Amino acid sequence: KRDAAGLVPAVVQQYDTGAVLMLAWMNDAALARTLASG
């Protein structure tokens, strides 16, 4: 479910401590690239 600009908020968390690092935005291309590249 995207906003009017086609974006989804991404909460970014350190995997081992659980610390919330940042909030960023992803569109479909950003998510696809993240999933494909790591």
Full PDB file with SEQRES, HELIX, SHEET, SSBOND, CRYST1, ORIGX, SCALE, CONECT and MASTER records, all heavy atoms in Angstrom:
SEQRES   1 A   38  LYS ARG ASP ALA ALA GLY LEU VAL PRO ALA VAL VAL GLN          
SEQRES   2 A   38  GLN TYR ASP THR GLY ALA VAL LEU MET LEU ALA TRP MET          
SEQRES   3 A   38  ASN ASP ALA ALA LEU ALA ARG THR LEU ALA SER GLY              
HELIX    1 AA1 ASP A   28  SER A   37  1                                  10    
SHEET    1 AA1 2 VAL A   8  GLN A  13  0                                        
SHEET    2 AA1 2 VAL A  20  MET A  26 -1                                        
CRYST1    1.000    1.000    1.000  90.00  90.00  90.00 P 1           1          
ORIGX1      1.000000  0.000000  0.000000        0.00000                         
ORIGX2      0.000000  1.000000  0.000000        0.00000                         
ORIGX3      0.000000  0.000000  1.000000        0.00000                         
SCALE1      1.000000  0.000000  0.000000        0.00000                         
SCALE2      0.000000  1.000000  0.000000        0.00000                         
SCALE3      0.000000  0.000000  1.000000        0.00000                         
ATOM      1  N   LYS A   1       0.876  -1.170   0.000  1.00  0.00           N  
ATOM      2  CA  LYS A   1       0.000   0.000   0.000  1.00  0.00           C  
ATOM      3  C   LYS A   1       0.909   1.215   0.000  1.00  0.00           C  
ATOM      4  O   LYS A   1       1.570   1.523   0.986  1.00  0.00           O  
ATOM      5  CB  LYS A   1      -0.904  -0.004   1.229  1.00  0.00           C  
ATOM      6  CG  LYS A   1      -1.935  -1.102   1.195  1.00  0.00           C  
ATOM      7  CD  LYS A   1      -2.840  -1.047   2.399  1.00  0.00           C  
ATOM      8  CE  LYS A   1      -3.788  -2.244   2.380  1.00  0.00           C  
ATOM      9  NZ  LYS A   1      -4.450  -2.403   3.686  1.00  0.00           N  
ATOM     10  N   ARG A   2       0.949   1.889  -1.132  1.00  0.00           N  
ATOM     11  CA  ARG A   2       1.850   3.013  -1.333  1.00  0.00           C  
ATOM     12  C   ARG A   2       1.136   4.335  -1.072  1.00  0.00           C  
ATOM     13  O   ARG A   2      -0.074   4.416  -1.201  1.00  0.00           O  
ATOM     14  CB  ARG A   2       2.378   2.990  -2.761  1.00  0.00           C  
ATOM     15  CG  ARG A   2       3.078   1.694  -3.147  1.00  0.00           C  
ATOM     16  CD  ARG A   2       3.140   1.557  -4.676  1.00  0.00           C  
ATOM     17  NE  ARG A   2       3.579   0.243  -5.090  1.00  0.00           N  
ATOM     18  CZ  ARG A   2       2.784  -0.824  -5.153  1.00  0.00           C  
ATOM     19  NH1 ARG A   2       1.512  -0.750  -4.822  1.00  0.00           N  
ATOM     20  NH2 ARG A   2       3.264  -1.989  -5.559  1.00  0.00           N  
ATOM     21  N   ASP A   3       1.926   5.375  -0.779  1.00  0.00           N  
ATOM     22  CA  ASP A   3       1.338   6.709  -0.655  1.00  0.00           C  
ATOM     23  C   ASP A   3       1.089   7.267  -2.058  1.00  0.00           C  
ATOM     24  O   ASP A   3       1.331   6.578  -3.062  1.00  0.00           O  
ATOM     25  CB  ASP A   3       2.213   7.626   0.209  1.00  0.00           C  
ATOM     26  CG  ASP A   3       3.533   8.034  -0.440  1.00  0.00           C  
ATOM     27  OD1 ASP A   3       3.773   7.729  -1.639  1.00  0.00           O  
ATOM     28  OD2 ASP A   3       4.335   8.668   0.263  1.00  0.00           O  
ATOM     29  N   ALA A   4       0.630   8.503  -2.139  1.00  0.00           N  
ATOM     30  CA  ALA A   4       0.292   9.105  -3.433  1.00  0.00           C  
ATOM     31  C   ALA A   4       1.494   9.195  -4.374  1.00  0.00           C  
ATOM     32  O   ALA A   4       1.327   9.226  -5.593  1.00  0.00           O  
ATOM     33  CB  ALA A   4      -0.313  10.496  -3.216  1.00  0.00           C  
ATOM     34  N   ALA A   5       2.696   9.221  -3.820  1.00  0.00           N  
ATOM     35  CA  ALA A   5       3.908   9.295  -4.636  1.00  0.00           C  
ATOM     36  C   ALA A   5       4.441   7.913  -4.998  1.00  0.00           C  
ATOM     37  O   ALA A   5       5.497   7.797  -5.619  1.00  0.00           O  
ATOM     38  CB  ALA A   5       4.981  10.098  -3.894  1.00  0.00           C  
ATOM     39  N   GLY A   6       3.730   6.859  -4.586  1.00  0.00           N  
ATOM     40  CA  GLY A   6       4.161   5.500  -4.892  1.00  0.00           C  
ATOM     41  C   GLY A   6       5.212   4.958  -3.936  1.00  0.00           C  
ATOM     42  O   GLY A   6       5.922   4.019  -4.263  1.00  0.00           O  
ATOM     43  N   LEU A   7       5.282   5.560  -2.742  1.00  0.00           N  
ATOM     44  CA  LEU A   7       6.321   5.188  -1.783  1.00  0.00           C  
ATOM     45  C   LEU A   7       5.759   4.475  -0.560  1.00  0.00           C  
ATOM     46  O   LEU A   7       4.605   4.677  -0.181  1.00  0.00           O  
ATOM     47  CB  LEU A   7       7.062   6.447  -1.315  1.00  0.00           C  
ATOM     48  CG  LEU A   7       7.703   7.286  -2.421  1.00  0.00           C  
ATOM     49  CD1 LEU A   7       8.277   8.560  -1.846  1.00  0.00           C  
ATOM     50  CD2 LEU A   7       8.757   6.483  -3.159  1.00  0.00           C  
ATOM     51  N   VAL A   8       6.622   3.673   0.053  1.00  0.00           N  
ATOM     52  CA  VAL A   8       6.310   2.956   1.286  1.00  0.00           C  
ATOM     53  C   VAL A   8       7.416   3.308   2.283  1.00  0.00           C  
ATOM     54  O   VAL A   8       8.597   3.246   1.923  1.00  0.00           O  
ATOM     55  CB  VAL A   8       6.277   1.432   1.059  1.00  0.00           C  
ATOM     56  CG1 VAL A   8       6.043   0.682   2.351  1.00  0.00           C  
ATOM     57  CG2 VAL A   8       5.240   1.059   0.017  1.00  0.00           C  
ATOM     58  N   PRO A   9       7.062   3.683   3.524  1.00  0.00           N  
ATOM     59  CA  PRO A   9       8.109   3.958   4.509  1.00  0.00           C  
ATOM     60  C   PRO A   9       8.826   2.662   4.896  1.00  0.00           C  
ATOM     61  O   PRO A   9       8.212   1.604   5.004  1.00  0.00           O  
ATOM     62  CB  PRO A   9       7.359   4.552   5.701  1.00  0.00           C  
ATOM     63  CG  PRO A   9       5.942   4.133   5.535  1.00  0.00           C  
ATOM     64  CD  PRO A   9       5.721   3.904   4.070  1.00  0.00           C  
ATOM     65  N   ALA A  10      10.133   2.792   5.113  1.00  0.00           N  
ATOM     66  CA  ALA A  10      10.954   1.657   5.515  1.00  0.00           C  
ATOM     67  C   ALA A  10      11.660   2.009   6.822  1.00  0.00           C  
ATOM     68  O   ALA A  10      12.509   2.899   6.858  1.00  0.00           O  
ATOM     69  CB  ALA A  10      11.984   1.331   4.431  1.00  0.00           C  
ATOM     70  N   VAL A  11      11.269   1.329   7.887  1.00  0.00           N  
ATOM     71  CA  VAL A  11      11.940   1.481   9.168  1.00  0.00           C  
ATOM     72  C   VAL A  11      13.175   0.600   9.111  1.00  0.00           C  
ATOM     73  O   VAL A  11      13.075  -0.593   8.800  1.00  0.00           O  
ATOM     74  CB  VAL A  11      11.011   1.055  10.330  1.00  0.00           C  
ATOM     75  CG1 VAL A  11      11.740   1.119  11.664  1.00  0.00           C  
ATOM     76  CG2 VAL A  11       9.747   1.893  10.339  1.00  0.00           C  
ATOM     77  N   VAL A  12      14.331   1.183   9.408  1.00  0.00           N  
ATOM     78  CA  VAL A  12      15.589   0.454   9.288  1.00  0.00           C  
ATOM     79  C   VAL A  12      16.129   0.181  10.688  1.00  0.00           C  
ATOM     80  O   VAL A  12      16.295   1.098  11.494  1.00  0.00           O  
ATOM     81  CB  VAL A  12      16.614   1.240   8.451  1.00  0.00           C  
ATOM     82  CG1 VAL A  12      17.884   0.430   8.257  1.00  0.00           C  
ATOM     83  CG2 VAL A  12      16.008   1.632   7.104  1.00  0.00           C  
ATOM     84  N   GLN A  13      16.406  -1.092  10.953  1.00  0.00           N  
ATOM     85  CA  GLN A  13      16.782  -1.547  12.286  1.00  0.00           C  
ATOM     86  C   GLN A  13      18.072  -2.357  12.219  1.00  0.00           C  
ATOM     87  O   GLN A  13      18.260  -3.150  11.288  1.00  0.00           O  
ATOM     88  CB  GLN A  13      15.644  -2.416  12.829  1.00  0.00           C  
ATOM     89  CG  GLN A  13      15.835  -2.973  14.209  1.00  0.00           C  
ATOM     90  CD  GLN A  13      14.652  -3.850  14.621  1.00  0.00           C  
ATOM     91  OE1 GLN A  13      14.173  -4.670  13.836  1.00  0.00           O  
ATOM     92  NE2 GLN A  13      14.191  -3.662  15.833  1.00  0.00           N  
ATOM     93  N   GLN A  14      18.948  -2.161  13.198  1.00  0.00           N  
ATOM     94  CA  GLN A  14      20.152  -2.987  13.315  1.00  0.00           C  
ATOM     95  C   GLN A  14      19.709  -4.392  13.681  1.00  0.00           C  
ATOM     96  O   GLN A  14      18.996  -4.587  14.662  1.00  0.00           O  
ATOM     97  CB  GLN A  14      21.101  -2.417  14.368  1.00  0.00           C  
ATOM     98  CG  GLN A  14      22.332  -3.254  14.624  1.00  0.00           C  
ATOM     99  CD  GLN A  14      23.257  -3.392  13.420  1.00  0.00           C  
ATOM    100  OE1 GLN A  14      23.358  -2.517  12.581  1.00  0.00           O  
ATOM    101  NE2 GLN A  14      23.932  -4.540  13.330  1.00  0.00           N  
ATOM    102  N   TYR A  15      20.126  -5.377  12.908  1.00  0.00           N  
ATOM    103  CA  TYR A  15      19.590  -6.733  13.049  1.00  0.00           C  
ATOM    104  C   TYR A  15      19.898  -7.386  14.393  1.00  0.00           C  
ATOM    105  O   TYR A  15      19.089  -8.144  14.914  1.00  0.00           O  
ATOM    106  CB  TYR A  15      20.076  -7.643  11.914  1.00  0.00           C  
ATOM    107  CG  TYR A  15      21.439  -8.246  12.147  1.00  0.00           C  
ATOM    108  CD1 TYR A  15      21.578  -9.531  12.657  1.00  0.00           C  
ATOM    109  CD2 TYR A  15      22.595  -7.515  11.902  1.00  0.00           C  
ATOM    110  CE1 TYR A  15      22.824 -10.081  12.895  1.00  0.00           C  
ATOM    111  CE2 TYR A  15      23.841  -8.052  12.140  1.00  0.00           C  
ATOM    112  CZ  TYR A  15      23.953  -9.324  12.636  1.00  0.00           C  
ATOM    113  OH  TYR A  15      25.194  -9.859  12.877  1.00  0.00           O  
ATOM    114  N   ASP A  16      21.061  -7.108  14.991  1.00  0.00           N  
ATOM    115  CA  ASP A  16      21.437  -7.827  16.207  1.00  0.00           C  
ATOM    116  C   ASP A  16      21.099  -7.108  17.508  1.00  0.00           C  
ATOM    117  O   ASP A  16      20.909  -7.748  18.532  1.00  0.00           O  
ATOM    118  CB  ASP A  16      22.917  -8.217  16.183  1.00  0.00           C  
ATOM    119  CG  ASP A  16      23.850  -7.049  15.953  1.00  0.00           C  
ATOM    120  OD1 ASP A  16      23.386  -5.916  15.696  1.00  0.00           O  
ATOM    121  OD2 ASP A  16      25.079  -7.259  16.023  1.00  0.00           O  
ATOM    122  N   THR A  17      20.984  -5.791  17.478  1.00  0.00           N  
ATOM    123  CA  THR A  17      20.671  -5.046  18.708  1.00  0.00           C  
ATOM    124  C   THR A  17      19.226  -4.574  18.757  1.00  0.00           C  
ATOM    125  O   THR A  17      18.733  -4.240  19.824  1.00  0.00           O  
ATOM    126  CB  THR A  17      21.577  -3.815  18.851  1.00  0.00           C  
ATOM    127  OG1 THR A  17      21.274  -2.890  17.799  1.00  0.00           O  
ATOM    128  CG2 THR A  17      23.051  -4.203  18.832  1.00  0.00           C  
ATOM    129  N   GLY A  18      18.590  -4.497  17.603  1.00  0.00           N  
ATOM    130  CA  GLY A  18      17.221  -3.988  17.547  1.00  0.00           C  
ATOM    131  C   GLY A  18      17.146  -2.475  17.503  1.00  0.00           C  
ATOM    132  O   GLY A  18      16.054  -1.906  17.454  1.00  0.00           O  
ATOM    133  N   ALA A  19      18.276  -1.788  17.521  1.00  0.00           N  
ATOM    134  CA  ALA A  19      18.276  -0.321  17.481  1.00  0.00           C  
ATOM    135  C   ALA A  19      17.651   0.164  16.172  1.00  0.00           C  
ATOM    136  O   ALA A  19      17.979  -0.341  15.098  1.00  0.00           O  
ATOM    137  CB  ALA A  19      19.707   0.211  17.602  1.00  0.00           C  
ATOM    138  N   VAL A  20      16.760   1.144  16.290  1.00  0.00           N  
ATOM    139  CA  VAL A  20      16.172   1.757  15.102  1.00  0.00           C  
ATOM    140  C   VAL A  20      17.180   2.776  14.581  1.00  0.00           C  
ATOM    141  O   VAL A  20      17.573   3.695  15.297  1.00  0.00           O  
ATOM    142  CB  VAL A  20      14.818   2.420  15.405  1.00  0.00           C  
ATOM    143  CG1 VAL A  20      14.282   3.130  14.177  1.00  0.00           C  
ATOM    144  CG2 VAL A  20      13.822   1.375  15.904  1.00  0.00           C  
ATOM    145  N   LEU A  21      17.610   2.594  13.343  1.00  0.00           N  
ATOM    146  CA  LEU A  21      18.665   3.421  12.778  1.00  0.00           C  
ATOM    147  C   LEU A  21      18.141   4.624  12.014  1.00  0.00           C  
ATOM    148  O   LEU A  21      18.690   5.717  12.115  1.00  0.00           O  
ATOM    149  CB  LEU A  21      19.539   2.576  11.848  1.00  0.00           C  
ATOM    150  CG  LEU A  21      20.201   1.352  12.481  1.00  0.00           C  
ATOM    151  CD1 LEU A  21      20.920   0.537  11.413  1.00  0.00           C  
ATOM    152  CD2 LEU A  21      21.143   1.775  13.593  1.00  0.00           C  
ATOM    153  N   MET A  22      17.111   4.421  11.227  1.00  0.00           N  
ATOM    154  CA  MET A  22      16.625   5.494  10.360  1.00  0.00           C  
ATOM    155  C   MET A  22      15.267   5.126   9.768  1.00  0.00           C  
ATOM    156  O   MET A  22      14.818   3.991   9.899  1.00  0.00           O  
ATOM    157  CB  MET A  22      17.616   5.771   9.225  1.00  0.00           C  
ATOM    158  CG  MET A  22      17.945   4.556   8.376  1.00  0.00           C  
ATOM    159  SD  MET A  22      19.218   4.840   7.146  1.00  0.00           S  
ATOM    160  CE  MET A  22      18.251   5.413   5.765  1.00  0.00           C  
ATOM    161  N   LEU A  23      14.664   6.094   9.158  1.00  0.00           N  
ATOM    162  CA  LEU A  23      13.447   5.894   8.368  1.00  0.00           C  
ATOM    163  C   LEU A  23      13.772   6.354   6.963  1.00  0.00           C  
ATOM    164  O   LEU A  23      14.343   7.435   6.779  1.00  0.00           O  
ATOM    165  CB  LEU A  23      12.274   6.703   8.919  1.00  0.00           C  
ATOM    166  CG  LEU A  23      11.032   6.665   8.035  1.00  0.00           C  
ATOM    167  CD1 LEU A  23      10.317   5.332   8.192  1.00  0.00           C  
ATOM    168  CD2 LEU A  23      10.090   7.800   8.349  1.00  0.00           C  
ATOM    169  N   ALA A  24      13.456   5.533   6.002  1.00  0.00           N  
ATOM    170  CA  ALA A  24      13.696   5.892   4.607  1.00  0.00           C  
ATOM    171  C   ALA A  24      12.445   5.544   3.811  1.00  0.00           C  
ATOM    172  O   ALA A  24      11.463   5.051   4.370  1.00  0.00           O  
ATOM    173  CB  ALA A  24      14.910   5.141   4.070  1.00  0.00           C  
ATOM    174  N   TRP A  25      12.488   5.788   2.530  1.00  0.00           N  
ATOM    175  CA  TRP A  25      11.345   5.521   1.653  1.00  0.00           C  
ATOM    176  C   TRP A  25      11.771   4.603   0.528  1.00  0.00           C  
ATOM    177  O   TRP A  25      12.887   4.722   0.017  1.00  0.00           O  
ATOM    178  CB  TRP A  25      10.800   6.833   1.080  1.00  0.00           C  
ATOM    179  CG  TRP A  25      10.263   7.706   2.156  1.00  0.00           C  
ATOM    180  CD1 TRP A  25      10.953   8.657   2.872  1.00  0.00           C  
ATOM    181  CD2 TRP A  25       8.938   7.702   2.676  1.00  0.00           C  
ATOM    182  NE1 TRP A  25      10.132   9.230   3.799  1.00  0.00           N  
ATOM    183  CE2 TRP A  25       8.884   8.672   3.704  1.00  0.00           C  
ATOM    184  CE3 TRP A  25       7.796   6.974   2.383  1.00  0.00           C  
ATOM    185  CZ2 TRP A  25       7.725   8.932   4.427  1.00  0.00           C  
ATOM    186  CZ3 TRP A  25       6.637   7.232   3.097  1.00  0.00           C  
ATOM    187  CH2 TRP A  25       6.609   8.206   4.107  1.00  0.00           C  
ATOM    188  N   MET A  26      10.879   3.704   0.152  1.00  0.00           N  
ATOM    189  CA  MET A  26      11.142   2.809  -0.977  1.00  0.00           C  
ATOM    190  C   MET A  26       9.992   2.868  -1.968  1.00  0.00           C  
ATOM    191  O   MET A  26       8.833   2.922  -1.563  1.00  0.00           O  
ATOM    192  CB  MET A  26      11.293   1.360  -0.501  1.00  0.00           C  
ATOM    193  CG  MET A  26      12.543   1.062   0.254  1.00  0.00           C  
ATOM    194  SD  MET A  26      12.645  -0.721   0.578  1.00  0.00           S  
ATOM    195  CE  MET A  26      14.345  -0.859   1.071  1.00  0.00           C  
ATOM    196  N   ASN A  27      10.342   2.856  -3.239  1.00  0.00           N  
ATOM    197  CA  ASN A  27       9.343   2.602  -4.267  1.00  0.00           C  
ATOM    198  C   ASN A  27       9.561   1.156  -4.718  1.00  0.00           C  
ATOM    199  O   ASN A  27      10.398   0.448  -4.167  1.00  0.00           O  
ATOM    200  CB  ASN A  27       9.445   3.621  -5.416  1.00  0.00           C  
ATOM    201  CG  ASN A  27      10.789   3.599  -6.114  1.00  0.00           C  
ATOM    202  OD1 ASN A  27      11.620   2.721  -5.904  1.00  0.00           O  
ATOM    203  ND2 ASN A  27      11.018   4.593  -6.966  1.00  0.00           N  
ATOM    204  N   ASP A  28       8.815   0.716  -5.694  1.00  0.00           N  
ATOM    205  CA  ASP A  28       8.932  -0.671  -6.140  1.00  0.00           C  
ATOM    206  C   ASP A  28      10.338  -0.997  -6.630  1.00  0.00           C  
ATOM    207  O   ASP A  28      10.865  -2.072  -6.344  1.00  0.00           O  
ATOM    208  CB  ASP A  28       7.921  -0.965  -7.241  1.00  0.00           C  
ATOM    209  CG  ASP A  28       6.492  -1.051  -6.729  1.00  0.00           C  
ATOM    210  OD1 ASP A  28       6.187  -0.543  -5.637  1.00  0.00           O  
ATOM    211  OD2 ASP A  28       5.670  -1.645  -7.433  1.00  0.00           O  
ATOM    212  N   ALA A  29      10.958  -0.067  -7.343  1.00  0.00           N  
ATOM    213  CA  ALA A  29      12.298  -0.320  -7.875  1.00  0.00           C  
ATOM    214  C   ALA A  29      13.318  -0.437  -6.748  1.00  0.00           C  
ATOM    215  O   ALA A  29      14.202  -1.304  -6.799  1.00  0.00           O  
ATOM    216  CB  ALA A  29      12.701   0.789  -8.846  1.00  0.00           C  
ATOM    217  N   ALA A  30      13.216   0.409  -5.731  1.00  0.00           N  
ATOM    218  CA  ALA A  30      14.148   0.350  -4.597  1.00  0.00           C  
ATOM    219  C   ALA A  30      13.993  -0.965  -3.843  1.00  0.00           C  
ATOM    220  O   ALA A  30      14.990  -1.601  -3.471  1.00  0.00           O  
ATOM    221  CB  ALA A  30      13.919   1.530  -3.661  1.00  0.00           C  
ATOM    222  N   LEU A  31      12.763  -1.383  -3.632  1.00  0.00           N  
ATOM    223  CA  LEU A  31      12.529  -2.644  -2.938  1.00  0.00           C  
ATOM    224  C   LEU A  31      13.047  -3.817  -3.758  1.00  0.00           C  
ATOM    225  O   LEU A  31      13.709  -4.712  -3.229  1.00  0.00           O  
ATOM    226  CB  LEU A  31      11.044  -2.816  -2.613  1.00  0.00           C  
ATOM    227  CG  LEU A  31      10.660  -4.101  -1.881  1.00  0.00           C  
ATOM    228  CD1 LEU A  31      11.463  -4.291  -0.598  1.00  0.00           C  
ATOM    229  CD2 LEU A  31       9.155  -4.109  -1.601  1.00  0.00           C  
ATOM    230  N   ALA A  32      12.779  -3.807  -5.043  1.00  0.00           N  
ATOM    231  CA  ALA A  32      13.258  -4.890  -5.913  1.00  0.00           C  
ATOM    232  C   ALA A  32      14.778  -4.971  -5.893  1.00  0.00           C  
ATOM    233  O   ALA A  32      15.357  -6.058  -5.771  1.00  0.00           O  
ATOM    234  CB  ALA A  32      12.759  -4.674  -7.345  1.00  0.00           C  
ATOM    235  N   ARG A  33      15.439  -3.824  -5.975  1.00  0.00           N  
ATOM    236  CA  ARG A  33      16.900  -3.807  -5.976  1.00  0.00           C  
ATOM    237  C   ARG A  33      17.458  -4.271  -4.624  1.00  0.00           C  
ATOM    238  O   ARG A  33      18.441  -4.999  -4.568  1.00  0.00           O  
ATOM    239  CB  ARG A  33      17.423  -2.419  -6.323  1.00  0.00           C  
ATOM    240  CG  ARG A  33      18.928  -2.415  -6.511  1.00  0.00           C  
ATOM    241  CD  ARG A  33      19.479  -1.077  -6.849  1.00  0.00           C  
ATOM    242  NE  ARG A  33      19.121  -0.683  -8.203  1.00  0.00           N  
ATOM    243  CZ  ARG A  33      19.543   0.447  -8.761  1.00  0.00           C  
ATOM    244  NH1 ARG A  33      20.305   1.282  -8.089  1.00  0.00           N  
ATOM    245  NH2 ARG A  33      19.199   0.736  -9.998  1.00  0.00           N  
ATOM    246  N   THR A  34      16.811  -3.849  -3.537  1.00  0.00           N  
ATOM    247  CA  THR A  34      17.235  -4.271  -2.200  1.00  0.00           C  
ATOM    248  C   THR A  34      17.140  -5.780  -2.057  1.00  0.00           C  
ATOM    249  O   THR A  34      18.071  -6.429  -1.588  1.00  0.00           O  
ATOM    250  CB  THR A  34      16.368  -3.577  -1.120  1.00  0.00           C  
ATOM    251  OG1 THR A  34      16.595  -2.165  -1.188  1.00  0.00           O  
ATOM    252  CG2 THR A  34      16.678  -4.087   0.266  1.00  0.00           C  
ATOM    253  N   LEU A  35      16.003  -6.337  -2.473  1.00  0.00           N  
ATOM    254  CA  LEU A  35      15.805  -7.785  -2.358  1.00  0.00           C  
ATOM    255  C   LEU A  35      16.776  -8.561  -3.239  1.00  0.00           C  
ATOM    256  O   LEU A  35      17.254  -9.627  -2.856  1.00  0.00           O  
ATOM    257  CB  LEU A  35      14.360  -8.144  -2.711  1.00  0.00           C  
ATOM    258  CG  LEU A  35      13.290  -7.594  -1.753  1.00  0.00           C  
ATOM    259  CD1 LEU A  35      11.898  -7.855  -2.312  1.00  0.00           C  
ATOM    260  CD2 LEU A  35      13.450  -8.171  -0.359  1.00  0.00           C  
ATOM    261  N   ALA A  36      17.089  -8.030  -4.398  1.00  0.00           N  
ATOM    262  CA  ALA A  36      17.973  -8.734  -5.333  1.00  0.00           C  
ATOM    263  C   ALA A  36      19.446  -8.612  -4.964  1.00  0.00           C  
ATOM    264  O   ALA A  36      20.211  -9.563  -5.134  1.00  0.00           O  
ATOM    265  CB  ALA A  36      17.758  -8.208  -6.750  1.00  0.00           C  
ATOM    266  N   SER A  37      19.851  -7.446  -4.434  1.00  0.00           N  
ATOM    267  CA  SER A  37      21.276  -7.193  -4.207  1.00  0.00           C  
ATOM    268  C   SER A  37      21.745  -7.441  -2.778  1.00  0.00           C  
ATOM    269  O   SER A  37      22.932  -7.647  -2.544  1.00  0.00           O  
ATOM    270  CB  SER A  37      21.606  -5.741  -4.569  1.00  0.00           C  
ATOM    271  OG  SER A  37      21.047  -4.857  -3.589  1.00  0.00           O  
ATOM    272  N   GLY A  38      20.818  -7.351  -1.818  1.00  0.00           N  
ATOM    273  CA  GLY A  38      21.220  -7.462  -0.415  1.00  0.00           C  
ATOM    274  C   GLY A  38      21.820  -6.187   0.134  1.00  0.00           C  
ATOM    275  O   GLY A  38      22.264  -6.143   1.273  1.00  0.00           O  
TER     276      GLY A  38                                                      
MASTER        0    0    0    1    2    0    0    6  275    1    0    3          
END                                                                             
